[in-house]
Amino acid sequence: MSLSSRDMSYLPHILHPQWRCYGSLRPSSYLLRLLHTALTSLLLISGAVLAKEIPSEHTMTSPLRVGVLHIPPLAEVRSPTNTSGPLINYMHRLLQSAGLAYRMEGFPARRLYRNLAAGESQFWVGVKNVPEYEGKVLYSEQPVYSLHLRLYRLPGTPEIRQLSALQTQRLIVIRGYSYGGLLEPLKQRPMGLQWKDANTNYKALEMLQLRRGDYLLSYAEPIEPLLRQRPQRLEHEVLQELPMYLVLSRTTPHAESLMARLNQVASNMLLSGETKKIFAPLAN
């Protein structure tokens, strides 16, 4: 910060009473330069001190609480604190690049959704339109990855290309999965579908192959590796891609500015090719 020529013209009258009484007296140019230098230095020093005293808006008093779901091979949760997979690697890289302290923990789906709504968990990477937390979170500007939703069936079972075409069939779903809110219209029907819950994708496949359900709704990412281990062939229809975004609870301190910061880091990772490299193993 510096002083204008107009400011300098008033300095003699402000700094020395005699100069007000004897308007004809003027300090030398050397003295004016000396005063200018001294006052500018004081202003810079005081500004630096104030900057140190004001904490950054991104400063968090405790680590960011990060939630993870078991969606193998994208993300695997062996225990609440034992997690791995490309999505986990991406979150580690993102948060470390943003300079954030964080604590990562795995949860069942419903519990994580409730945690995000209540602010008990603050961050994860997931789909939009989850009823439990929609309206209570912020989303990133760009998606990170996309899940591929498919409807699996045994050979000979009639082909169905849209969920709305399901009527009275037995539909196997993974317990806790939100499917991006796509099931809500079906659940609001007074009668119709027979819901069959499975705790895992492995159990869901087993139920379908034992004909305990007519169709299985799940993502290709966890199902396809399991199918490669099984001799029985299944048919499927591709329903939809569900983009996954950075999801930040609105209860997080400075949520808006923090999301802006994460958006910038995510954009840098995308432009540099780092995001593609992290998720490359899933393309095989």
C-alpha atoms as a PDB file:
ATOM      1  CA  MET A   1       0.000   0.000   0.000  1.00  0.00           C
ATOM      2  CA  SER A   2       1.394   3.486  -0.885  1.00  0.00           C
ATOM      3  CA  LEU A   3       0.351   7.107  -0.335  1.00  0.00           C
ATOM      4  CA  SER A   4      -0.901   9.370  -3.147  1.00  0.00           C
ATOM      5  CA  SER A   5       0.546  12.817  -3.878  1.00  0.00           C
ATOM      6  CA  ARG A   6      -2.598  14.324  -2.369  1.00  0.00           C
ATOM      7  CA  ASP A   7      -2.063  12.310   0.806  1.00  0.00           C
ATOM      8  CA  MET A   8       1.526  13.530   0.935  1.00  0.00           C
ATOM      9  CA  SER A   9       0.426  17.161   0.627  1.00  0.00           C
ATOM     10  CA  TYR A  10      -1.463  16.814   3.909  1.00  0.00           C
ATOM     11  CA  LEU A  11       1.277  15.017   5.817  1.00  0.00           C
ATOM     12  CA  PRO A  12       3.099  18.163   7.035  1.00  0.00           C
ATOM     13  CA  HIS A  13      -0.099  19.661   8.439  1.00  0.00           C
ATOM     14  CA  ILE A  14      -1.016  16.421  10.163  1.00  0.00           C
ATOM     15  CA  LEU A  15       2.363  15.524  11.571  1.00  0.00           C
ATOM     16  CA  HIS A  16       3.592  18.881  12.902  1.00  0.00           C
ATOM     17  CA  PRO A  17       1.382  21.615  14.443  1.00  0.00           C
ATOM     18  CA  GLN A  18       3.828  24.390  13.507  1.00  0.00           C
ATOM     19  CA  TRP A  19       3.292  23.665   9.815  1.00  0.00           C
ATOM     20  CA  ARG A  20      -0.389  24.484  10.234  1.00  0.00           C
ATOM     21  CA  CYS A  21       0.412  27.840  11.878  1.00  0.00           C
ATOM     22  CA  TYR A  22       3.110  28.823   9.399  1.00  0.00           C
ATOM     23  CA  GLY A  23       1.746  27.788   6.066  1.00  0.00           C
ATOM     24  CA  SER A  24       4.734  29.270   4.296  1.00  0.00           C
ATOM     25  CA  LEU A  25       7.054  26.737   5.911  1.00  0.00           C
ATOM     26  CA  ARG A  26       7.508  23.460   4.001  1.00  0.00           C
ATOM     27  CA  PRO A  27       9.648  20.426   4.811  1.00  0.00           C
ATOM     28  CA  SER A  28      12.392  19.520   2.389  1.00  0.00           C
ATOM     29  CA  SER A  29      11.793  16.927  -0.356  1.00  0.00           C
ATOM     30  CA  TYR A  30      14.241  14.667   1.455  1.00  0.00           C
ATOM     31  CA  LEU A  31      12.116  14.776   4.617  1.00  0.00           C
ATOM     32  CA  LEU A  32       8.942  14.041   2.622  1.00  0.00           C
ATOM     33  CA  ARG A  33      10.564  10.998   1.021  1.00  0.00           C
ATOM     34  CA  LEU A  34      11.739   9.839   4.424  1.00  0.00           C
ATOM     35  CA  LEU A  35       8.242  10.192   5.892  1.00  0.00           C
ATOM     36  CA  HIS A  36       6.718   8.401   2.889  1.00  0.00           C
ATOM     37  CA  THR A  37       9.122   5.469   3.268  1.00  0.00           C
ATOM     38  CA  ALA A  38       8.603   5.204   7.017  1.00  0.00           C
ATOM     39  CA  LEU A  39       4.796   5.298   6.864  1.00  0.00           C
ATOM     40  CA  THR A  40       4.610   2.871   3.923  1.00  0.00           C
ATOM     41  CA  SER A  41       6.825   0.414   5.821  1.00  0.00           C
ATOM     42  CA  LEU A  42       4.617   0.693   8.894  1.00  0.00           C
ATOM     43  CA  LEU A  43       1.508   0.011   6.828  1.00  0.00           C
ATOM     44  CA  LEU A  44       3.065  -3.050   5.171  1.00  0.00           C
ATOM     45  CA  ILE A  45       4.251  -4.441   8.511  1.00  0.00           C
ATOM     46  CA  SER A  46       0.864  -3.916  10.152  1.00  0.00           C
ATOM     47  CA  GLY A  47      -0.871  -5.532   7.155  1.00  0.00           C
ATOM     48  CA  ALA A  48       1.353  -8.578   7.393  1.00  0.00           C
ATOM     49  CA  VAL A  49       0.675  -8.890  11.109  1.00  0.00           C
ATOM     50  CA  LEU A  50      -3.075  -8.688  10.534  1.00  0.00           C
ATOM     51  CA  ALA A  51      -2.895 -11.307   7.773  1.00  0.00           C
ATOM     52  CA  LYS A  52      -1.235 -13.715  10.187  1.00  0.00           C
ATOM     53  CA  GLU A  53      -3.867 -13.072  12.810  1.00  0.00           C
ATOM     54  CA  ILE A  54      -6.822 -13.721  10.436  1.00  0.00           C
ATOM     55  CA  PRO A  55      -7.197 -17.469   9.788  1.00  0.00           C
ATOM     56  CA  SER A  56      -7.793 -18.747   6.254  1.00  0.00           C
ATOM     57  CA  GLU A  57     -11.427 -19.431   5.426  1.00  0.00           C
ATOM     58  CA  HIS A  58     -10.392 -22.980   4.488  1.00  0.00           C
ATOM     59  CA  THR A  59      -8.833 -23.688   7.871  1.00  0.00           C
ATOM     60  CA  MET A  60     -10.658 -26.576   9.545  1.00  0.00           C
ATOM     61  CA  THR A  61     -10.465 -27.174  13.255  1.00  0.00           C
ATOM     62  CA  SER A  62     -10.753 -30.958  12.802  1.00  0.00           C
ATOM     63  CA  PRO A  63     -10.047 -33.427   9.967  1.00  0.00           C
ATOM     64  CA  LEU A  64     -12.609 -33.712   7.185  1.00  0.00           C
ATOM     65  CA  ARG A  65     -14.753 -36.804   7.790  1.00  0.00           C
ATOM     66  CA  VAL A  66     -14.752 -38.841   4.578  1.00  0.00           C
ATOM     67  CA  GLY A  67     -17.159 -41.716   3.947  1.00  0.00           C
ATOM     68  CA  VAL A  68     -16.680 -44.713   1.655  1.00  0.00           C
ATOM     69  CA  LEU A  69     -19.031 -47.378   0.289  1.00  0.00           C
ATOM     70  CA  HIS A  70     -18.160 -50.917  -0.728  1.00  0.00           C
ATOM     71  CA  ILE A  71     -18.477 -50.851  -4.546  1.00  0.00           C
ATOM     72  CA  PRO A  72     -15.785 -53.276  -5.706  1.00  0.00           C
ATOM     73  CA  PRO A  73     -13.515 -53.007  -7.582  1.00  0.00           C
ATOM     74  CA  LEU A  74     -14.060 -49.228  -7.584  1.00  0.00           C
ATOM     75  CA  ALA A  75     -13.865 -49.080  -3.783  1.00  0.00           C
ATOM     76  CA  GLU A  76     -13.425 -51.988  -1.395  1.00  0.00           C
ATOM     77  CA  VAL A  77     -14.198 -51.771   2.312  1.00  0.00           C
ATOM     78  CA  ARG A  78     -12.762 -54.689   4.284  1.00  0.00           C
ATOM     79  CA  SER A  79     -13.273 -52.928   7.606  1.00  0.00           C
ATOM     80  CA  PRO A  80     -14.204 -49.336   8.506  1.00  0.00           C
ATOM     81  CA  THR A  81     -10.555 -48.293   8.317  1.00  0.00           C
ATOM     82  CA  ASN A  82      -9.263 -50.760   5.714  1.00  0.00           C
ATOM     83  CA  THR A  83     -10.228 -49.441   2.280  1.00  0.00           C
ATOM     84  CA  SER A  84      -8.696 -49.679  -1.190  1.00  0.00           C
ATOM     85  CA  GLY A  85      -9.417 -49.261  -4.888  1.00  0.00           C
ATOM     86  CA  PRO A  86      -9.119 -46.588  -7.588  1.00  0.00           C
ATOM     87  CA  LEU A  87     -11.834 -44.389  -6.081  1.00  0.00           C
ATOM     88  CA  ILE A  88     -10.067 -44.492  -2.714  1.00  0.00           C
ATOM     89  CA  ASN A  89      -6.783 -43.568  -4.403  1.00  0.00           C
ATOM     90  CA  TYR A  90      -8.500 -40.675  -6.161  1.00  0.00           C
ATOM     91  CA  MET A  91      -9.922 -39.283  -2.920  1.00  0.00           C
ATOM     92  CA  HIS A  92      -6.548 -39.550  -1.182  1.00  0.00           C
ATOM     93  CA  ARG A  93      -4.863 -37.682  -4.022  1.00  0.00           C
ATOM     94  CA  LEU A  94      -7.587 -35.026  -4.240  1.00  0.00           C
ATOM     95  CA  LEU A  95      -7.674 -34.225  -0.535  1.00  0.00           C
ATOM     96  CA  GLN A  96      -3.895 -34.271  -0.136  1.00  0.00           C
ATOM     97  CA  SER A  97      -3.498 -31.932  -3.122  1.00  0.00           C
ATOM     98  CA  ALA A  98      -6.058 -29.612  -1.517  1.00  0.00           C
ATOM     99  CA  GLY A  99      -3.939 -29.548   1.641  1.00  0.00           C
ATOM    100  CA  LEU A 100      -6.708 -30.966   3.819  1.00  0.00           C
ATOM    101  CA  ALA A 101      -6.428 -33.159   6.878  1.00  0.00           C
ATOM    102  CA  TYR A 102      -9.032 -35.930   6.725  1.00  0.00           C
ATOM    103  CA  ARG A 103     -10.180 -39.202   8.218  1.00  0.00           C
ATOM    104  CA  MET A 104     -11.600 -41.913   5.937  1.00  0.00           C
ATOM    105  CA  GLU A 105     -14.093 -44.514   7.109  1.00  0.00           C
ATOM    106  CA  GLY A 106     -16.214 -47.168   5.408  1.00  0.00           C
ATOM    107  CA  PHE A 107     -19.974 -47.413   6.043  1.00  0.00           C
ATOM    108  CA  PRO A 108     -23.035 -49.337   4.888  1.00  0.00           C
ATOM    109  CA  ALA A 109     -24.900 -47.319   2.262  1.00  0.00           C
ATOM    110  CA  ARG A 110     -27.915 -46.162   4.285  1.00  0.00           C
ATOM    111  CA  ARG A 111     -25.790 -45.122   7.207  1.00  0.00           C
ATOM    112  CA  LEU A 112     -23.461 -43.062   5.015  1.00  0.00           C
ATOM    113  CA  TYR A 113     -26.405 -41.324   3.357  1.00  0.00           C
ATOM    114  CA  ARG A 114     -27.858 -40.420   6.756  1.00  0.00           C
ATOM    115  CA  ASN A 115     -24.439 -39.307   7.988  1.00  0.00           C
ATOM    116  CA  LEU A 116     -24.044 -36.912   5.059  1.00  0.00           C
ATOM    117  CA  ALA A 117     -27.488 -35.437   5.650  1.00  0.00           C
ATOM    118  CA  ALA A 118     -26.716 -34.887   9.335  1.00  0.00           C
ATOM    119  CA  GLY A 119     -23.101 -33.783   8.831  1.00  0.00           C
ATOM    120  CA  GLU A 120     -21.641 -36.744  10.725  1.00  0.00           C
ATOM    121  CA  SER A 121     -19.841 -37.617   7.487  1.00  0.00           C
ATOM    122  CA  GLN A 122     -18.831 -34.600   5.438  1.00  0.00           C
ATOM    123  CA  PHE A 123     -17.479 -35.832   2.113  1.00  0.00           C
ATOM    124  CA  TRP A 124     -17.656 -38.692  -0.350  1.00  0.00           C
ATOM    125  CA  VAL A 125     -17.813 -39.345  -4.094  1.00  0.00           C
ATOM    126  CA  GLY A 126     -21.230 -40.540  -5.228  1.00  0.00           C
ATOM    127  CA  VAL A 127     -24.290 -40.054  -7.407  1.00  0.00           C
ATOM    128  CA  LYS A 128     -26.887 -37.298  -7.272  1.00  0.00           C
ATOM    129  CA  ASN A 129     -30.566 -37.598  -6.312  1.00  0.00           C
ATOM    130  CA  VAL A 130     -30.067 -39.830  -3.282  1.00  0.00           C
ATOM    131  CA  PRO A 131     -33.291 -39.196  -1.315  1.00  0.00           C
ATOM    132  CA  GLU A 132     -31.602 -39.300   2.088  1.00  0.00           C
ATOM    133  CA  TYR A 133     -29.217 -36.410   1.407  1.00  0.00           C
ATOM    134  CA  GLU A 134     -30.542 -34.563  -1.657  1.00  0.00           C
ATOM    135  CA  GLY A 135     -30.775 -30.836  -0.879  1.00  0.00           C
ATOM    136  CA  LYS A 136     -28.412 -31.194   2.081  1.00  0.00           C
ATOM    137  CA  VAL A 137     -25.160 -31.481   0.125  1.00  0.00           C
ATOM    138  CA  LEU A 138     -23.117 -29.634  -2.490  1.00  0.00           C
ATOM    139  CA  TYR A 139     -21.953 -31.292  -5.704  1.00  0.00           C
ATOM    140  CA  SER A 140     -18.833 -30.687  -7.750  1.00  0.00           C
ATOM    141  CA  GLU A 141     -19.091 -28.965 -11.114  1.00  0.00           C
ATOM    142  CA  GLN A 142     -17.813 -31.985 -13.051  1.00  0.00           C
ATOM    143  CA  PRO A 143     -18.279 -35.727 -12.468  1.00  0.00           C
ATOM    144  CA  VAL A 144     -15.337 -37.846 -11.409  1.00  0.00           C
ATOM    145  CA  TYR A 145     -16.416 -41.200 -12.806  1.00  0.00           C
ATOM    146  CA  SER A 146     -19.590 -42.882 -14.094  1.00  0.00           C
ATOM    147  CA  LEU A 147     -21.289 -46.048 -12.898  1.00  0.00           C
ATOM    148  CA  HIS A 148     -23.029 -48.187 -15.524  1.00  0.00           C
ATOM    149  CA  LEU A 149     -26.455 -49.377 -14.447  1.00  0.00           C
ATOM    150  CA  ARG A 150     -27.637 -52.667 -15.952  1.00  0.00           C
ATOM    151  CA  LEU A 151     -30.615 -54.986 -15.663  1.00  0.00           C
ATOM    152  CA  TYR A 152     -29.430 -58.614 -15.572  1.00  0.00           C
ATOM    153  CA  ARG A 153     -31.554 -61.660 -16.388  1.00  0.00           C
ATOM    154  CA  LEU A 154     -31.240 -65.336 -17.183  1.00  0.00           C
ATOM    155  CA  PRO A 155     -31.393 -66.400 -20.857  1.00  0.00           C
ATOM    156  CA  GLY A 156     -35.034 -66.808 -21.876  1.00  0.00           C
ATOM    157  CA  THR A 157     -36.361 -64.138 -19.507  1.00  0.00           C
ATOM    158  CA  PRO A 158     -38.100 -61.367 -21.520  1.00  0.00           C
ATOM    159  CA  GLU A 159     -35.974 -58.355 -22.352  1.00  0.00           C
ATOM    160  CA  ILE A 160     -36.830 -55.094 -20.571  1.00  0.00           C
ATOM    161  CA  ARG A 161     -35.085 -51.879 -21.554  1.00  0.00           C
ATOM    162  CA  GLN A 162     -36.643 -49.430 -19.093  1.00  0.00           C
ATOM    163  CA  LEU A 163     -37.358 -49.729 -15.379  1.00  0.00           C
ATOM    164  CA  SER A 164     -40.796 -48.220 -15.920  1.00  0.00           C
ATOM    165  CA  ALA A 165     -41.703 -51.300 -17.987  1.00  0.00           C
ATOM    166  CA  LEU A 166     -41.420 -53.540 -14.917  1.00  0.00           C
ATOM    167  CA  GLN A 167     -44.837 -54.508 -13.595  1.00  0.00           C
ATOM    168  CA  THR A 168     -45.253 -57.532 -11.333  1.00  0.00           C
ATOM    169  CA  GLN A 169     -41.849 -59.149 -11.751  1.00  0.00           C
ATOM    170  CA  ARG A 170     -39.488 -60.037  -8.934  1.00  0.00           C
ATOM    171  CA  LEU A 171     -36.681 -57.470  -8.882  1.00  0.00           C
ATOM    172  CA  ILE A 172     -33.459 -58.146  -6.991  1.00  0.00           C
ATOM    173  CA  VAL A 173     -31.761 -54.995  -5.667  1.00  0.00           C
ATOM    174  CA  ILE A 174     -28.717 -54.427  -3.474  1.00  0.00           C
ATOM    175  CA  ARG A 175     -29.708 -53.422   0.030  1.00  0.00           C
ATOM    176  CA  GLY A 176     -28.936 -49.760   0.668  1.00  0.00           C
ATOM    177  CA  TYR A 177     -28.164 -48.793  -2.934  1.00  0.00           C
ATOM    178  CA  SER A 178     -30.023 -45.633  -3.967  1.00  0.00           C
ATOM    179  CA  TYR A 179     -29.560 -46.113  -7.739  1.00  0.00           C
ATOM    180  CA  GLY A 180     -29.609 -42.341  -8.084  1.00  0.00           C
ATOM    181  CA  GLY A 181     -33.253 -42.152  -6.970  1.00  0.00           C
ATOM    182  CA  LEU A 182     -34.441 -44.194  -9.965  1.00  0.00           C
ATOM    183  CA  LEU A 183     -36.365 -46.638  -7.785  1.00  0.00           C
ATOM    184  CA  GLU A 184     -38.507 -44.028  -6.048  1.00  0.00           C
ATOM    185  CA  PRO A 185     -41.270 -43.901  -8.727  1.00  0.00           C
ATOM    186  CA  LEU A 186     -41.476 -47.708  -8.675  1.00  0.00           C
ATOM    187  CA  LYS A 187     -41.709 -47.811  -4.887  1.00  0.00           C
ATOM    188  CA  GLN A 188     -44.609 -45.365  -4.903  1.00  0.00           C
ATOM    189  CA  ARG A 189     -46.833 -47.686  -6.897  1.00  0.00           C
ATOM    190  CA  PRO A 190     -49.655 -49.092  -4.735  1.00  0.00           C
ATOM    191  CA  MET A 191     -49.049 -52.605  -6.074  1.00  0.00           C
ATOM    192  CA  GLY A 192     -46.732 -54.229  -8.541  1.00  0.00           C
ATOM    193  CA  LEU A 193     -43.095 -55.188  -8.236  1.00  0.00           C
ATOM    194  CA  GLN A 194     -41.913 -57.788  -5.780  1.00  0.00           C
ATOM    195  CA  TRP A 195     -38.752 -56.454  -4.139  1.00  0.00           C
ATOM    196  CA  LYS A 196     -35.971 -58.900  -3.311  1.00  0.00           C
ATOM    197  CA  ASP A 197     -33.133 -57.419  -1.255  1.00  0.00           C
ATOM    198  CA  ALA A 198     -29.614 -58.847  -1.348  1.00  0.00           C
ATOM    199  CA  ASN A 199     -26.857 -57.784   1.030  1.00  0.00           C
ATOM    200  CA  THR A 200     -24.103 -58.055  -1.592  1.00  0.00           C
ATOM    201  CA  ASN A 201     -23.719 -58.306  -5.341  1.00  0.00           C
ATOM    202  CA  TYR A 202     -22.438 -61.867  -4.876  1.00  0.00           C
ATOM    203  CA  LYS A 203     -25.636 -62.834  -3.053  1.00  0.00           C
ATOM    204  CA  ALA A 204     -27.726 -61.026  -5.653  1.00  0.00           C
ATOM    205  CA  LEU A 205     -26.183 -63.053  -8.473  1.00  0.00           C
ATOM    206  CA  GLU A 206     -26.746 -66.224  -6.521  1.00  0.00           C
ATOM    207  CA  MET A 207     -30.427 -65.356  -6.049  1.00  0.00           C
ATOM    208  CA  LEU A 208     -30.845 -64.674  -9.766  1.00  0.00           C
ATOM    209  CA  GLN A 209     -29.122 -67.891 -10.828  1.00  0.00           C
ATOM    210  CA  LEU A 210     -31.277 -69.856  -8.402  1.00  0.00           C
ATOM    211  CA  ARG A 211     -34.334 -68.161  -9.952  1.00  0.00           C
ATOM    212  CA  ARG A 212     -35.349 -66.435  -6.734  1.00  0.00           C
ATOM    213  CA  GLY A 213     -35.845 -63.296  -8.793  1.00  0.00           C
ATOM    214  CA  ASP A 214     -36.551 -62.439 -12.412  1.00  0.00           C
ATOM    215  CA  TYR A 215     -34.209 -59.479 -12.807  1.00  0.00           C
ATOM    216  CA  LEU A 216     -31.199 -58.082 -11.000  1.00  0.00           C
ATOM    217  CA  LEU A 217     -30.571 -54.344 -10.952  1.00  0.00           C
ATOM    218  CA  SER A 218     -26.971 -53.413 -10.281  1.00  0.00           C
ATOM    219  CA  TYR A 219     -23.889 -51.668 -11.599  1.00  0.00           C
ATOM    220  CA  ALA A 220     -21.583 -53.305 -14.123  1.00  0.00           C
ATOM    221  CA  GLU A 221     -18.516 -52.371 -12.068  1.00  0.00           C
ATOM    222  CA  PRO A 222     -19.104 -54.871  -9.217  1.00  0.00           C
ATOM    223  CA  ILE A 223     -21.062 -57.453 -11.244  1.00  0.00           C
ATOM    224  CA  GLU A 224     -18.805 -58.063 -14.238  1.00  0.00           C
ATOM    225  CA  PRO A 225     -15.762 -59.280 -12.226  1.00  0.00           C
ATOM    226  CA  LEU A 226     -18.058 -61.735 -10.422  1.00  0.00           C
ATOM    227  CA  LEU A 227     -19.507 -63.024 -13.690  1.00  0.00           C
ATOM    228  CA  ARG A 228     -16.027 -63.824 -14.988  1.00  0.00           C
ATOM    229  CA  GLN A 229     -15.721 -66.263 -12.074  1.00  0.00           C
ATOM    230  CA  ARG A 230     -19.025 -68.033 -12.855  1.00  0.00           C
ATOM    231  CA  PRO A 231     -19.740 -70.449 -15.694  1.00  0.00           C
ATOM    232  CA  GLN A 232     -23.417 -69.526 -16.108  1.00  0.00           C
ATOM    233  CA  ARG A 233     -24.126 -66.893 -18.763  1.00  0.00           C
ATOM    234  CA  LEU A 234     -26.430 -63.965 -18.092  1.00  0.00           C
ATOM    235  CA  GLU A 235     -28.093 -61.477 -20.419  1.00  0.00           C
ATOM    236  CA  HIS A 236     -28.326 -57.802 -19.599  1.00  0.00           C
ATOM    237  CA  GLU A 237     -29.668 -54.491 -20.836  1.00  0.00           C
ATOM    238  CA  VAL A 238     -27.751 -51.251 -20.406  1.00  0.00           C
ATOM    239  CA  LEU A 239     -30.081 -48.805 -18.668  1.00  0.00           C
ATOM    240  CA  GLN A 240     -28.162 -45.684 -17.830  1.00  0.00           C
ATOM    241  CA  GLU A 241     -24.854 -44.113 -16.843  1.00  0.00           C
ATOM    242  CA  LEU A 242     -24.883 -42.519 -13.393  1.00  0.00           C
ATOM    243  CA  PRO A 243     -22.123 -39.899 -12.974  1.00  0.00           C
ATOM    244  CA  MET A 244     -20.358 -39.747  -9.623  1.00  0.00           C
ATOM    245  CA  TYR A 245     -19.580 -36.318  -8.184  1.00  0.00           C
ATOM    246  CA  LEU A 246     -17.714 -34.895  -5.239  1.00  0.00           C
ATOM    247  CA  VAL A 247     -20.351 -34.665  -2.513  1.00  0.00           C
ATOM    248  CA  LEU A 248     -19.880 -32.277   0.428  1.00  0.00           C
ATOM    249  CA  SER A 249     -22.300 -31.908   3.327  1.00  0.00           C
ATOM    250  CA  ARG A 250     -23.669 -28.378   3.634  1.00  0.00           C
ATOM    251  CA  THR A 251     -23.025 -28.536   7.378  1.00  0.00           C
ATOM    252  CA  THR A 252     -19.262 -28.571   6.734  1.00  0.00           C
ATOM    253  CA  PRO A 253     -17.588 -25.312   7.876  1.00  0.00           C
ATOM    254  CA  HIS A 254     -17.084 -22.957   4.898  1.00  0.00           C
ATOM    255  CA  ALA A 255     -18.742 -25.541   2.639  1.00  0.00           C
ATOM    256  CA  GLU A 256     -19.094 -23.250  -0.388  1.00  0.00           C
ATOM    257  CA  SER A 257     -15.485 -22.091  -0.436  1.00  0.00           C
ATOM    258  CA  LEU A 258     -14.211 -25.583   0.351  1.00  0.00           C
ATOM    259  CA  MET A 259     -16.125 -27.041  -2.597  1.00  0.00           C
ATOM    260  CA  ALA A 260     -14.698 -24.314  -4.832  1.00  0.00           C
ATOM    261  CA  ARG A 261     -11.245 -25.356  -3.720  1.00  0.00           C
ATOM    262  CA  LEU A 262     -11.967 -29.046  -4.386  1.00  0.00           C
ATOM    263  CA  ASN A 263     -13.410 -28.164  -7.805  1.00  0.00           C
ATOM    264  CA  GLN A 264     -10.157 -26.461  -8.738  1.00  0.00           C
ATOM    265  CA  VAL A 265      -8.009 -29.396  -7.608  1.00  0.00           C
ATOM    266  CA  ALA A 266     -10.289 -31.897  -9.393  1.00  0.00           C
ATOM    267  CA  SER A 267     -10.101 -29.811 -12.581  1.00  0.00           C
ATOM    268  CA  ASN A 268      -6.304 -29.739 -12.404  1.00  0.00           C
ATOM    269  CA  MET A 269      -6.184 -33.508 -11.938  1.00  0.00           C
ATOM    270  CA  LEU A 270      -8.480 -34.014 -14.922  1.00  0.00           C
ATOM    271  CA  LEU A 271      -6.527 -31.692 -17.234  1.00  0.00           C
ATOM    272  CA  SER A 272      -3.188 -33.212 -16.265  1.00  0.00           C
ATOM    273  CA  GLY A 273      -4.402 -36.732 -17.030  1.00  0.00           C
ATOM    274  CA  GLU A 274      -3.995 -37.844 -13.425  1.00  0.00           C
ATOM    275  CA  THR A 275      -7.674 -38.754 -13.008  1.00  0.00           C
ATOM    276  CA  LYS A 276      -7.603 -40.963 -16.100  1.00  0.00           C
ATOM    277  CA  LYS A 277      -4.452 -42.666 -14.864  1.00  0.00           C
ATOM    278  CA  ILE A 278      -5.969 -43.415 -11.451  1.00  0.00           C
ATOM    279  CA  PHE A 279      -9.087 -45.040 -12.932  1.00  0.00           C
ATOM    280  CA  ALA A 280      -7.235 -46.813 -15.784  1.00  0.00           C
ATOM    281  CA  PRO A 281      -7.263 -50.232 -14.015  1.00  0.00           C
ATOM    282  CA  LEU A 282     -11.081 -50.292 -14.280  1.00  0.00           C
ATOM    283  CA  ALA A 283     -10.903 -50.111 -18.079  1.00  0.00           C
ATOM    284  CA  ASN A 284      -9.248 -53.533 -18.302  1.00  0.00           C
END
